[in-house]
C-alpha atoms as a PDB file:
ATOM      1  CA  MET A   1     -25.937  16.020   1.358  1.00  0.00           C
ATOM      2  CA  VAL A   2     -22.818  15.023  -0.874  1.00  0.00           C
ATOM      3  CA  ASP A   3     -23.729  15.888  -4.505  1.00  0.00           C
ATOM      4  CA  GLU A   4     -20.373  15.013  -6.036  1.00  0.00           C
ATOM      5  CA  VAL A   5     -16.989  13.332  -5.118  1.00  0.00           C
ATOM      6  CA  ILE A   6     -14.305  13.681  -7.625  1.00  0.00           C
ATOM      7  CA  PHE A   7     -11.231  11.530  -7.586  1.00  0.00           C
ATOM      8  CA  HIS A   8      -8.170  13.013  -9.916  1.00  0.00           C
ATOM      9  CA  VAL A   9      -6.106   9.482 -10.166  1.00  0.00           C
ATOM     10  CA  GLY A  10      -3.462  10.504 -12.683  1.00  0.00           C
ATOM     11  CA  MET A  11      -1.776   9.455 -14.859  1.00  0.00           C
ATOM     12  CA  GLY A  12       1.617  11.150 -13.448  1.00  0.00           C
ATOM     13  CA  LYS A  13       3.387  13.634 -15.731  1.00  0.00           C
ATOM     14  CA  PRO A  14       0.498  15.277 -17.342  1.00  0.00           C
ATOM     15  CA  GLY A  15       0.245  18.525 -15.296  1.00  0.00           C
ATOM     16  CA  THR A  16      -0.888  16.470 -11.875  1.00  0.00           C
ATOM     17  CA  THR A  17       1.542  18.632  -9.643  1.00  0.00           C
ATOM     18  CA  THR A  18       0.273  21.720 -11.313  1.00  0.00           C
ATOM     19  CA  ILE A  19      -3.387  20.804 -10.910  1.00  0.00           C
ATOM     20  CA  GLN A  20      -2.304  20.007  -7.082  1.00  0.00           C
ATOM     21  CA  LYS A  21      -0.759  23.245  -6.564  1.00  0.00           C
ATOM     22  CA  ALA A  22      -3.721  25.246  -8.019  1.00  0.00           C
ATOM     23  CA  LEU A  23      -6.257  23.462  -5.921  1.00  0.00           C
ATOM     24  CA  GLY A  24      -4.362  23.959  -2.843  1.00  0.00           C
ATOM     25  CA  ALA A  25      -4.129  27.628  -3.606  1.00  0.00           C
ATOM     26  CA  ALA A  26      -8.040  27.967  -4.292  1.00  0.00           C
ATOM     27  CA  THR A  27      -9.360  27.315  -1.077  1.00  0.00           C
ATOM     28  CA  GLU A  28     -11.535  30.543  -0.880  1.00  0.00           C
ATOM     29  CA  THR A  29     -12.870  30.005  -4.709  1.00  0.00           C
ATOM     30  CA  LEU A  30     -13.777  26.374  -4.176  1.00  0.00           C
ATOM     31  CA  THR A  31     -15.470  27.039  -0.788  1.00  0.00           C
ATOM     32  CA  ALA A  32     -17.393  30.120  -2.365  1.00  0.00           C
ATOM     33  CA  ALA A  33     -18.525  27.135  -4.798  1.00  0.00           C
ATOM     34  CA  GLY A  34     -19.381  24.766  -2.162  1.00  0.00           C
ATOM     35  CA  ILE A  35     -16.203  22.591  -2.990  1.00  0.00           C
ATOM     36  CA  SER A  36     -13.473  21.141  -0.619  1.00  0.00           C
ATOM     37  CA  TYR A  37     -10.154  19.951  -1.723  1.00  0.00           C
ATOM     38  CA  GLN A  38      -9.449  17.199   0.275  1.00  0.00           C
ATOM     39  CA  GLY A  39      -5.777  16.717  -0.852  1.00  0.00           C
ATOM     40  CA  MET A  40      -3.742  13.708  -1.692  1.00  0.00           C
ATOM     41  CA  TRP A  41      -4.202  11.464   1.577  1.00  0.00           C
ATOM     42  CA  GLN A  42      -6.797   9.738   3.435  1.00  0.00           C
ATOM     43  CA  PRO A  43      -6.915  11.540   6.917  1.00  0.00           C
ATOM     44  CA  LEU A  44     -10.703  10.985   7.331  1.00  0.00           C
ATOM     45  CA  VAL A  45      -9.994   7.008   7.656  1.00  0.00           C
ATOM     46  CA  SER A  46      -6.772   7.477   9.857  1.00  0.00           C
ATOM     47  CA  SER A  47      -3.827   9.896  10.463  1.00  0.00           C
ATOM     48  CA  ASP A  48      -1.555   6.789   9.439  1.00  0.00           C
ATOM     49  CA  TYR A  49      -2.410   7.354   5.882  1.00  0.00           C
ATOM     50  CA  VAL A  50      -1.273  10.848   5.420  1.00  0.00           C
ATOM     51  CA  GLY A  51       1.897  11.474   3.752  1.00  0.00           C
ATOM     52  CA  TRP A  52       3.609   9.382   0.819  1.00  0.00           C
ATOM     53  CA  VAL A  53       4.445   6.695   3.387  1.00  0.00           C
ATOM     54  CA  GLY A  54       1.148   6.483   4.805  1.00  0.00           C
ATOM     55  CA  PHE A  55      -0.324   6.189   1.504  1.00  0.00           C
ATOM     56  CA  GLN A  56       1.784   3.200   0.627  1.00  0.00           C
ATOM     57  CA  LYS A  57       0.216   1.602   3.789  1.00  0.00           C
ATOM     58  CA  PHE A  58      -3.318   2.758   2.675  1.00  0.00           C
ATOM     59  CA  ARG A  59      -3.062   1.301  -0.823  1.00  0.00           C
ATOM     60  CA  LEU A  60      -1.527  -2.075   0.499  1.00  0.00           C
ATOM     61  CA  LEU A  61      -4.735  -2.448   2.716  1.00  0.00           C
ATOM     62  CA  PRO A  62      -6.692  -5.957   2.259  1.00  0.00           C
ATOM     63  CA  ALA A  63      -9.646  -5.511   0.301  1.00  0.00           C
ATOM     64  CA  GLU A  64     -12.122  -5.944   3.079  1.00  0.00           C
ATOM     65  CA  ASP A  65     -10.359  -3.038   5.016  1.00  0.00           C
ATOM     66  CA  LEU A  66     -10.533  -0.927   1.806  1.00  0.00           C
ATOM     67  CA  VAL A  67     -14.338  -1.370   1.827  1.00  0.00           C
ATOM     68  CA  ARG A  68     -14.570  -0.245   5.388  1.00  0.00           C
ATOM     69  CA  ALA A  69     -12.174   2.951   4.523  1.00  0.00           C
ATOM     70  CA  ALA A  70     -14.740   3.704   1.648  1.00  0.00           C
ATOM     71  CA  ASP A  71     -17.598   3.564   4.137  1.00  0.00           C
ATOM     72  CA  THR A  72     -15.407   5.817   6.640  1.00  0.00           C
ATOM     73  CA  VAL A  73     -14.706   8.329   3.841  1.00  0.00           C
ATOM     74  CA  ALA A  74     -18.437   8.403   2.641  1.00  0.00           C
ATOM     75  CA  GLN A  75     -19.420   8.913   6.038  1.00  0.00           C
ATOM     76  CA  GLY A  76     -16.807  11.677   6.860  1.00  0.00           C
ATOM     77  CA  LEU A  77     -17.965  13.324   3.670  1.00  0.00           C
ATOM     78  CA  THR A  78     -21.403  13.389   4.644  1.00  0.00           C
ATOM     79  CA  ASP A  79     -20.862  14.949   7.962  1.00  0.00           C
ATOM     80  CA  ILE A  80     -19.006  17.595   6.581  1.00  0.00           C
ATOM     81  CA  ALA A  81     -21.759  18.320   4.070  1.00  0.00           C
ATOM     82  CA  ARG A  82     -24.324  18.441   6.773  1.00  0.00           C
ATOM     83  CA  ALA A  83     -22.377  20.885   8.801  1.00  0.00           C
ATOM     84  CA  SER A  84     -21.627  23.368   6.177  1.00  0.00           C
ATOM     85  CA  SER A  85     -22.489  24.368   2.675  1.00  0.00           C
ATOM     86  CA  THR A  86     -20.017  21.882   1.111  1.00  0.00           C
ATOM     87  CA  THR A  87     -21.460  19.533  -1.073  1.00  0.00           C
ATOM     88  CA  ARG A  88     -18.637  18.720  -3.708  1.00  0.00           C
ATOM     89  CA  PHE A  89     -15.291  16.987  -2.716  1.00  0.00           C
ATOM     90  CA  ILE A  90     -11.831  16.692  -4.816  1.00  0.00           C
ATOM     91  CA  PHE A  91      -9.291  14.498  -4.220  1.00  0.00           C
ATOM     92  CA  SER A  92      -6.024  14.174  -6.265  1.00  0.00           C
ATOM     93  CA  ASN A  93      -3.261  11.809  -6.333  1.00  0.00           C
ATOM     94  CA  GLU A  94      -1.664  10.230  -9.264  1.00  0.00           C
ATOM     95  CA  GLN A  95      -0.622   6.979  -7.395  1.00  0.00           C
ATOM     96  CA  TYR A  96      -4.261   5.999  -7.658  1.00  0.00           C
ATOM     97  CA  PHE A  97      -3.809   5.288 -11.164  1.00  0.00           C
ATOM     98  CA  GLU A  98      -1.188   2.545 -11.347  1.00  0.00           C
ATOM     99  CA  ASN A  99      -3.077   0.837  -8.196  1.00  0.00           C
ATOM    100  CA  VAL A 100      -6.393   0.219  -9.971  1.00  0.00           C
ATOM    101  CA  ASP A 101      -6.385  -3.393  -9.081  1.00  0.00           C
ATOM    102  CA  ARG A 102      -5.677  -2.972  -5.686  1.00  0.00           C
ATOM    103  CA  MET A 103      -7.727   0.139  -5.017  1.00  0.00           C
ATOM    104  CA  ALA A 104     -10.814  -1.192  -7.074  1.00  0.00           C
ATOM    105  CA  PRO A 105     -12.846  -2.453  -3.553  1.00  0.00           C
ATOM    106  CA  PHE A 106     -12.244   1.235  -2.440  1.00  0.00           C
ATOM    107  CA  PHE A 107     -13.819   2.710  -5.202  1.00  0.00           C
ATOM    108  CA  ASP A 108     -16.591   0.359  -6.057  1.00  0.00           C
ATOM    109  CA  ARG A 109     -17.746   0.773  -2.587  1.00  0.00           C
ATOM    110  CA  LEU A 110     -17.461   4.655  -2.595  1.00  0.00           C
ATOM    111  CA  ALA A 111     -19.436   4.563  -5.772  1.00  0.00           C
ATOM    112  CA  GLN A 112     -22.233   2.756  -4.087  1.00  0.00           C
ATOM    113  CA  SER A 113     -22.593   5.615  -1.357  1.00  0.00           C
ATOM    114  CA  VAL A 114     -22.019   8.720  -3.021  1.00  0.00           C
ATOM    115  CA  PRO A 115     -21.990  10.120  -6.531  1.00  0.00           C
ATOM    116  CA  LEU A 116     -18.441   9.344  -7.652  1.00  0.00           C
ATOM    117  CA  LYS A 117     -16.454  10.833 -10.650  1.00  0.00           C
ATOM    118  CA  ILE A 118     -12.846   9.976 -11.746  1.00  0.00           C
ATOM    119  CA  LEU A 119     -10.742  12.040 -13.641  1.00  0.00           C
ATOM    120  CA  ILE A 120      -7.846  10.735 -15.762  1.00  0.00           C
ATOM    121  CA  TRP A 121      -5.521  13.032 -17.931  1.00  0.00           C
ATOM    122  CA  VAL A 122      -3.857  11.084 -20.483  1.00  0.00           C
ATOM    123  CA  ARG A 123      -0.536  12.374 -22.465  1.00  0.00           C
ATOM    124  CA  PRO A 124       0.451  10.912 -25.744  1.00  0.00           C
ATOM    125  CA  VAL A 125       3.474   8.516 -25.573  1.00  0.00           C
ATOM    126  CA  GLN A 126       5.554  10.537 -27.767  1.00  0.00           C
ATOM    127  CA  SER A 127       5.861  13.250 -25.256  1.00  0.00           C
ATOM    128  CA  TRP A 128       5.140  11.185 -21.995  1.00  0.00           C
ATOM    129  CA  LEU A 129       7.790   8.953 -22.256  1.00  0.00           C
ATOM    130  CA  PRO A 130      10.678  11.492 -22.161  1.00  0.00           C
ATOM    131  CA  SER A 131       9.107  13.128 -19.157  1.00  0.00           C
ATOM    132  CA  ALA A 132       8.461   9.977 -17.274  1.00  0.00           C
ATOM    133  CA  CYS A 133      11.719   8.363 -17.918  1.00  0.00           C
ATOM    134  CA  ALA A 134      13.370  11.729 -16.885  1.00  0.00           C
ATOM    135  CA  GLN A 135      11.263  11.639 -13.726  1.00  0.00           C
ATOM    136  CA  TRP A 136      11.260   7.922 -12.656  1.00  0.00           C
ATOM    137  CA  GLY A 137      14.309   6.659 -14.613  1.00  0.00           C
ATOM    138  CA  ILE A 138      16.958   9.315 -13.460  1.00  0.00           C
ATOM    139  CA  VAL A 139      15.807  12.136 -11.014  1.00  0.00           C
ATOM    140  CA  HIS A 140      13.954   9.470  -8.934  1.00  0.00           C
ATOM    141  CA  LYS A 141      15.571   6.120  -9.932  1.00  0.00           C
ATOM    142  CA  THR A 142      12.723   3.817  -9.238  1.00  0.00           C
ATOM    143  CA  ASN A 143      14.609   0.596 -10.769  1.00  0.00           C
ATOM    144  CA  ARG A 144      17.545  -1.187  -8.771  1.00  0.00           C
ATOM    145  CA  GLY A 145      20.770  -1.245 -10.385  1.00  0.00           C
ATOM    146  CA  ASP A 146      22.419   1.278 -12.768  1.00  0.00           C
ATOM    147  CA  VAL A 147      20.278   4.301 -14.441  1.00  0.00           C
ATOM    148  CA  GLN A 148      19.079   2.367 -17.417  1.00  0.00           C
ATOM    149  CA  PRO A 149      19.366   3.667 -20.937  1.00  0.00           C
ATOM    150  CA  PHE A 150      16.164   5.288 -22.452  1.00  0.00           C
ATOM    151  CA  ALA A 151      15.104   2.216 -24.309  1.00  0.00           C
ATOM    152  CA  ASP A 152      15.118  -0.001 -21.266  1.00  0.00           C
ATOM    153  CA  GLN A 153      13.328   2.818 -19.215  1.00  0.00           C
ATOM    154  CA  ALA A 154      10.716   3.431 -21.720  1.00  0.00           C
ATOM    155  CA  ASP A 155       9.933  -0.293 -22.301  1.00  0.00           C
ATOM    156  CA  ARG A 156       9.386  -0.592 -18.182  1.00  0.00           C
ATOM    157  CA  LEU A 157       7.392   2.501 -17.799  1.00  0.00           C
ATOM    158  CA  ILE A 158       5.176   2.146 -20.790  1.00  0.00           C
ATOM    159  CA  GLY A 159       3.122  -0.193 -18.903  1.00  0.00           C
ATOM    160  CA  GLN A 160       1.447   2.666 -17.305  1.00  0.00           C
ATOM    161  CA  TYR A 161      -1.084   2.702 -20.467  1.00  0.00           C
ATOM    162  CA  ALA A 162      -2.126  -0.736 -19.442  1.00  0.00           C
ATOM    163  CA  HIS A 163      -4.214   1.056 -16.283  1.00  0.00           C
ATOM    164  CA  LEU A 164      -6.354   3.033 -18.397  1.00  0.00           C
ATOM    165  CA  PRO A 165      -8.376   0.366 -20.026  1.00  0.00           C
ATOM    166  CA  LYS A 166      -8.707  -1.372 -16.355  1.00  0.00           C
ATOM    167  CA  TRP A 167     -10.534   1.857 -15.295  1.00  0.00           C
ATOM    168  CA  LEU A 168     -12.657   2.283 -17.939  1.00  0.00           C
ATOM    169  CA  ARG A 169     -13.620  -1.553 -17.652  1.00  0.00           C
ATOM    170  CA  LEU A 170     -14.346  -1.428 -13.936  1.00  0.00           C
ATOM    171  CA  PHE A 171     -16.244   2.110 -13.611  1.00  0.00           C
ATOM    172  CA  GLY A 172     -17.308   2.750 -17.059  1.00  0.00           C
ATOM    173  CA  ASP A 173     -19.010   6.325 -17.211  1.00  0.00           C
ATOM    174  CA  LYS A 174     -17.800   7.412 -13.919  1.00  0.00           C
ATOM    175  CA  VAL A 175     -14.537   7.798 -15.648  1.00  0.00           C
ATOM    176  CA  THR A 176     -13.759  10.737 -17.719  1.00  0.00           C
ATOM    177  CA  VAL A 177     -10.450  10.919 -19.825  1.00  0.00           C
ATOM    178  CA  ARG A 178      -8.719  14.018 -20.900  1.00  0.00           C
ATOM    179  CA  ARG A 179      -5.888  14.680 -23.377  1.00  0.00           C
ATOM    180  CA  PHE A 180      -2.875  16.391 -21.927  1.00  0.00           C
ATOM    181  CA  ASP A 181      -0.457  17.711 -24.611  1.00  0.00           C
ATOM    182  CA  ASP A 182       1.788  20.708 -24.963  1.00  0.00           C
ATOM    183  CA  ARG A 183      -1.035  23.279 -25.712  1.00  0.00           C
ATOM    184  CA  THR A 184      -3.099  22.093 -22.625  1.00  0.00           C
ATOM    185  CA  ASP A 185      -3.488  24.031 -19.528  1.00  0.00           C
ATOM    186  CA  PRO A 186      -4.625  21.429 -17.014  1.00  0.00           C
ATOM    187  CA  VAL A 187      -5.763  24.188 -14.490  1.00  0.00           C
ATOM    188  CA  ALA A 188      -8.206  25.595 -17.208  1.00  0.00           C
ATOM    189  CA  ASP A 189      -9.145  22.271 -18.276  1.00  0.00           C
ATOM    190  CA  LEU A 190      -9.906  21.108 -14.741  1.00  0.00           C
ATOM    191  CA  SER A 191     -11.861  24.468 -14.065  1.00  0.00           C
ATOM    192  CA  ARG A 192     -14.149  23.425 -17.203  1.00  0.00           C
ATOM    193  CA  LEU A 193     -14.754  20.057 -15.597  1.00  0.00           C
ATOM    194  CA  ILE A 194     -15.811  21.452 -12.169  1.00  0.00           C
ATOM    195  CA  GLY A 195     -17.656  24.368 -13.359  1.00  0.00           C
ATOM    196  CA  VAL A 196     -15.188  26.886 -11.321  1.00  0.00           C
ATOM    197  CA  ASP A 197     -12.763  29.362 -12.574  1.00  0.00           C
ATOM    198  CA  LEU A 198      -9.576  28.416 -10.671  1.00  0.00           C
ATOM    199  CA  PRO A 199      -6.719  30.745 -11.175  1.00  0.00           C
ATOM    200  CA  SER A 200      -4.046  29.376 -13.506  1.00  0.00           C
ATOM    201  CA  SER A 201      -0.416  30.123 -13.934  1.00  0.00           C
ATOM    202  CA  ALA A 202       1.908  29.940 -16.604  1.00  0.00           C
ATOM    203  CA  ALA A 203       4.179  27.973 -14.705  1.00  0.00           C
ATOM    204  CA  ARG A 204       4.496  24.411 -14.786  1.00  0.00           C
ATOM    205  CA  HIS A 205       5.550  22.587 -11.888  1.00  0.00           C
ATOM    206  CA  GLN A 206       7.952  19.600 -11.736  1.00  0.00           C
ATOM    207  CA  THR A 207       9.019  20.374 -15.278  1.00  0.00           C
ATOM    208  CA  ARG A 208      11.889  18.227 -16.448  1.00  0.00           C
ATOM    209  CA  PRO A 209      15.329  18.943 -15.630  1.00  0.00           C
ATOM    210  CA  ASP A 210      17.754  20.245 -18.593  1.00  0.00           C
ATOM    211  CA  PRO A 211      19.748  17.514 -20.306  1.00  0.00           C
ATOM    212  CA  SER A 212      23.126  18.505 -18.384  1.00  0.00           C
ATOM    213  CA  GLU A 213      21.435  18.216 -14.866  1.00  0.00           C
ATOM    214  CA  LEU A 214      19.908  15.001 -15.982  1.00  0.00           C
ATOM    215  CA  LEU A 215      23.282  13.479 -17.160  1.00  0.00           C
ATOM    216  CA  LEU A 216      24.595  14.375 -13.820  1.00  0.00           C
ATOM    217  CA  ARG A 217      21.887  12.851 -11.662  1.00  0.00           C
ATOM    218  CA  ALA A 218      22.154   9.920 -13.665  1.00  0.00           C
ATOM    219  CA  ALA A 219      25.821   9.683 -12.968  1.00  0.00           C
ATOM    220  CA  PHE A 220      25.193  10.100  -9.360  1.00  0.00           C
ATOM    221  CA  ASN A 221      22.258   7.718  -8.996  1.00  0.00           C
ATOM    222  CA  THR A 222      23.952   5.114 -10.989  1.00  0.00           C
ATOM    223  CA  GLN A 223      26.229   4.958  -7.967  1.00  0.00           C
ATOM    224  CA  PHE A 224      23.902   2.828  -5.766  1.00  0.00           C
ATOM    225  CA  ALA A 225      22.227  -0.699  -6.342  1.00  0.00           C
ATOM    226  CA  GLU A 226      19.221   0.495  -4.484  1.00  0.00           C
ATOM    227  CA  MET A 227      16.221   3.114  -5.761  1.00  0.00           C
ATOM    228  CA  VAL A 228      17.265   6.731  -5.007  1.00  0.00           C
ATOM    229  CA  LEU A 229      15.089   9.646  -4.240  1.00  0.00           C
ATOM    230  CA  PRO A 230      15.885  13.092  -6.064  1.00  0.00           C
ATOM    231  CA  ASP A 231      16.974  14.519  -2.567  1.00  0.00           C
ATOM    232  CA  ALA A 232      20.181  12.350  -2.449  1.00  0.00           C
ATOM    233  CA  PHE A 233      21.656  14.057  -5.587  1.00  0.00           C
ATOM    234  CA  ASN A 234      21.211  17.116  -3.980  1.00  0.00           C
ATOM    235  CA  ALA A 235      22.942  16.236  -0.703  1.00  0.00           C
ATOM    236  CA  ALA A 236      26.263  14.538  -2.255  1.00  0.00           C
ATOM    237  CA  MET A 237      28.039  13.176  -5.120  1.00  0.00           C
ATOM    238  CA  GLY A 238      28.950   9.354  -4.801  1.00  0.00           C
ATOM    239  CA  ARG A 239      31.987   7.645  -5.908  1.00  0.00           C
ATOM    240  CA  HIS A 240      32.613   7.373  -9.508  1.00  0.00           C
ATOM    241  CA  ARG A 241      31.110   4.526 -11.526  1.00  0.00           C
ATOM    242  CA  ALA A 242      30.925   4.607 -15.487  1.00  0.00           C
ATOM    243  CA  LEU A 243      27.566   5.440 -17.078  1.00  0.00           C
ATOM    244  CA  PRO A 244      26.450   2.970 -19.732  1.00  0.00           C
ATOM    245  CA  GLY A 245      28.315   4.114 -23.150  1.00  0.00           C
ATOM    246  CA  ALA A 246      31.596   4.447 -21.263  1.00  0.00           C
ATOM    247  CA  GLY A 247      34.594   5.051 -23.701  1.00  0.00           C
ATOM    248  CA  GLN A 248      32.240   6.729 -26.301  1.00  0.00           C
ATOM    249  CA  GLY A 249      32.621  10.345 -24.585  1.00  0.00           C
ATOM    250  CA  LEU A 250      29.984  12.438 -23.086  1.00  0.00           C
ATOM    251  CA  SER A 251      28.182  12.462 -26.651  1.00  0.00           C
ATOM    252  CA  GLY A 252      27.617   8.555 -26.432  1.00  0.00           C
ATOM    253  CA  ARG A 253      26.624   8.401 -23.087  1.00  0.00           C
ATOM    254  CA  ALA A 254      24.343  11.163 -23.732  1.00  0.00           C
ATOM    255  CA  ASP A 255      22.719   9.106 -26.549  1.00  0.00           C
ATOM    256  CA  ALA A 256      22.440   5.858 -24.401  1.00  0.00           C
ATOM    257  CA  ILE A 257      20.831   7.628 -21.469  1.00  0.00           C
ATOM    258  CA  LEU A 258      18.734  10.440 -23.112  1.00  0.00           C
ATOM    259  CA  GLY A 259      18.544   9.471 -26.923  1.00  0.00           C
ATOM    260  CA  ARG A 260      14.955   8.972 -28.404  1.00  0.00           C
ATOM    261  CA  ASP A 261      15.930   7.009 -31.138  1.00  0.00           C
ATOM    262  CA  ALA A 262      14.421   3.934 -29.705  1.00  0.00           C
ATOM    263  CA  MET A 263      11.372   5.292 -29.409  1.00  0.00           C
ATOM    264  CA  GLU A 264       9.832   3.837 -32.620  1.00  0.00           C
ATOM    265  CA  GLY A 265      10.691   0.279 -31.583  1.00  0.00           C
ATOM    266  CA  VAL A 266       9.548   0.644 -27.954  1.00  0.00           C
ATOM    267  CA  ILE A 267       6.032   1.756 -29.569  1.00  0.00           C
ATOM    268  CA  ALA A 268       6.085  -1.254 -31.698  1.00  0.00           C
ATOM    269  CA  ARG A 269       6.979  -3.476 -29.226  1.00  0.00           C
ATOM    270  CA  ASN A 270       4.007  -2.197 -27.001  1.00  0.00           C
ATOM    271  CA  ALA A 271       1.494  -1.976 -29.995  1.00  0.00           C
ATOM    272  CA  ALA A 272      -1.402  -3.964 -28.415  1.00  0.00           C
ATOM    273  CA  LEU A 273      -1.018  -2.764 -24.885  1.00  0.00           C
ATOM    274  CA  LEU A 274      -1.125   1.091 -26.766  1.00  0.00           C
ATOM    275  CA  ALA A 275      -3.954  -0.051 -28.962  1.00  0.00           C
ATOM    276  CA  ALA A 276      -6.057  -0.767 -25.682  1.00  0.00           C
ATOM    277  CA  ALA A 277      -5.266   2.385 -24.354  1.00  0.00           C
ATOM    278  CA  THR A 278      -6.325   4.245 -27.449  1.00  0.00           C
ATOM    279  CA  GLU A 279      -9.606   2.477 -27.537  1.00  0.00           C
ATOM    280  CA  ALA A 280     -10.128   3.584 -23.970  1.00  0.00           C
ATOM    281  CA  ALA A 281      -8.988   7.141 -24.301  1.00  0.00           C
ATOM    282  CA  GLY A 282     -10.992   8.074 -27.436  1.00  0.00           C
ATOM    283  CA  PHE A 283      -7.930   9.286 -29.231  1.00  0.00           C
ATOM    284  CA  ASP A 284      -4.454   7.727 -30.395  1.00  0.00           C
ATOM    285  CA  VAL A 285      -2.531   8.003 -27.479  1.00  0.00           C
ATOM    286  CA  THR A 286       0.779   7.049 -29.400  1.00  0.00           C
ATOM    287  CA  GLY A 287       1.005  10.662 -30.431  1.00  0.00           C
ATOM    288  CA  ASP A 288       2.536  11.796 -33.592  1.00  0.00           C
ATOM    289  CA  ALA A 289       6.071  12.186 -35.222  1.00  0.00           C
ATOM    290  CA  THR A 290       6.278  15.729 -34.431  1.00  0.00           C
ATOM    291  CA  ALA A 291       7.255  15.336 -30.866  1.00  0.00           C
ATOM    292  CA  SER A 292      10.827  15.494 -30.290  1.00  0.00           C
ATOM    293  CA  THR A 293      12.977  12.346 -30.591  1.00  0.00           C
ATOM    294  CA  HIS A 294      16.360  13.555 -30.464  1.00  0.00           C
ATOM    295  CA  LEU A 295      18.648  15.299 -28.084  1.00  0.00           C
ATOM    296  CA  ALA A 296      19.004  18.505 -27.731  1.00  0.00           C
ATOM    297  CA  ASP A 297      22.437  20.510 -29.333  1.00  0.00           C
ATOM    298  CA  ARG A 298      25.380  18.475 -28.145  1.00  0.00           C
ATOM    299  CA  GLU A 299      27.152  21.738 -27.867  1.00  0.00           C
ATOM    300  CA  ALA A 300      24.852  23.133 -25.072  1.00  0.00           C
ATOM    301  CA  ILE A 301      24.634  19.871 -23.223  1.00  0.00           C
ATOM    302  CA  ILE A 302      28.517  19.794 -23.177  1.00  0.00           C
ATOM    303  CA  ASP A 303      28.511  23.436 -22.083  1.00  0.00           C
ATOM    304  CA  GLY A 304      25.982  22.772 -19.242  1.00  0.00           C
ATOM    305  CA  VAL A 305      27.977  19.833 -18.051  1.00  0.00           C
ATOM    306  CA  LEU A 306      30.897  21.709 -17.844  1.00  0.00           C
ATOM    307  CA  GLY A 307      29.212  24.712 -16.024  1.00  0.00           C
ATOM    308  CA  ARG A 308      27.788  22.266 -13.409  1.00  0.00           C
ATOM    309  CA  ALA A 309      30.784  20.303 -13.031  1.00  0.00           C
ATOM    310  CA  ILE A 310      32.960  23.357 -12.258  1.00  0.00           C
ATOM    311  CA  GLU A 311      30.490  24.342  -9.575  1.00  0.00           C
ATOM    312  CA  VAL A 312      30.378  20.590  -8.081  1.00  0.00           C
ATOM    313  CA  ILE A 313      33.806  20.586  -8.002  1.00  0.00           C
ATOM    314  CA  ALA A 314      34.891  23.899  -6.534  1.00  0.00           C
ATOM    315  CA  GLY A 315      31.887  23.135  -3.690  1.00  0.00           C
ATOM    316  CA  GLN A 316      33.305  19.544  -2.892  1.00  0.00           C
ATOM    317  CA  ALA A 317      37.010  20.878  -2.970  1.00  0.00           C
ATOM    318  CA  ARG A 318      35.977  23.352  -0.311  1.00  0.00           C
ATOM    319  CA  ASP A 319      34.151  20.600   1.686  1.00  0.00           C
ATOM    320  CA  ILE A 320      37.081  18.324   1.388  1.00  0.00           C
ATOM    321  CA  GLU A 321      39.498  20.990   2.779  1.00  0.00           C
ATOM    322  CA  ASP A 322      37.074  21.658   5.498  1.00  0.00           C
ATOM    323  CA  LEU A 323      37.012  17.945   6.423  1.00  0.00           C
ATOM    324  CA  ARG A 324      40.485  17.721   6.442  1.00  0.00           C
ATOM    325  CA  ARG A 325      40.849  20.786   9.087  1.00  0.00           C
ATOM    326  CA  ARG A 326      38.194  18.866  11.218  1.00  0.00           C
ATOM    327  CA  ILE A 327      39.928  15.676  11.112  1.00  0.00           C
ATOM    328  CA  ALA A 328      43.569  17.082  11.985  1.00  0.00           C
ATOM    329  CA  LEU A 329      41.859  19.077  14.751  1.00  0.00           C
ATOM    330  CA  LEU A 330      40.174  15.841  16.230  1.00  0.00           C
ATOM    331  CA  GLU A 331      43.311  13.813  15.642  1.00  0.00           C
ATOM    332  CA  GLY A 332      45.196  16.485  17.419  1.00  0.00           C
ATOM    333  CA  ARG A 333      42.582  16.389  20.454  1.00  0.00           C
ATOM    334  CA  ALA A 334      43.049  12.664  20.464  1.00  0.00           C
ATOM    335  CA  ALA A 335      46.863  12.713  20.486  1.00  0.00           C
ATOM    336  CA  ASP A 336      46.681  15.415  23.556  1.00  0.00           C
ATOM    337  CA  GLY A 337      44.406  13.202  25.601  1.00  0.00           C
ATOM    338  CA  ALA A 338      46.646  10.117  25.097  1.00  0.00           C
ATOM    339  CA  ALA A 339      49.565  12.174  26.139  1.00  0.00           C
ATOM    340  CA  THR A 340      47.775  13.502  29.394  1.00  0.00           C
ATOM    341  CA  SER A 341      46.571   9.828  30.209  1.00  0.00           C
ATOM    342  CA  ALA A 342      50.085   8.579  29.887  1.00  0.00           C
END
């Protein structure tokens, strides 16, 4: 018999990856407690829905297919429970959070078949926006065109908070909302919720890169009109295009891309959205003014950028010289081949 099916649906950036790593590493502890961590995907429905690309197919299924998928998941978990001592199951994927409208038929049907619990960690906007803008505005550029200044990124990404009231409206007391801030240990918090002492780690995963790396990633990603995944920066540096704030020096560009002085205006423009999220969460999601809204010391940023630039320049100089030798070798062979043919 299935006693409980837990879906951790987000938000993104409140310790989500840390929670997923902890669950994945605690198989023995969870098994002993009769719990199975099912991961991020839906292989019970189809192997086509495994991995990031597979999940995009899953979330875009028509409503009737999502209903059938829920029945398949419920039956699959029931079969596991009958064949073992496992009675509780956990899924974790932050992409569910922003897809609540599309995924509602899946969760609604699943709740009719098994005891469903939905977990959402909410981070106050004053600390969430810098982290979210760094992740989805720079490291993984999710907009088309240039990397946007912080104010534009923030106005675009703050819409995530609009999804929270929808989860509460659709699924009511099946939803548990938890606050996440700098003092929160997400693994310890999850342990309390599921009644199992999960091994915790002081390290947090996917922490924000330092400002110098963010600026370099922004300079690279703004070379491309399309969206850019993080691995692209790791593989190469593109042709030069100026960052917003060109002509103002490094400090001006840092202010344009990373500056948080626009935070107050962003919050004011989205007051109604945040008020609804605050009511749903049960606490003020705007946070407080003690959160950092300014850049780190500019000398430290400049020092970091220059240090990284030296490494990049030296590495690229070596790569260019190696390419020159290879081209010369290929051209020599081509010339020899042409002479022989003549």
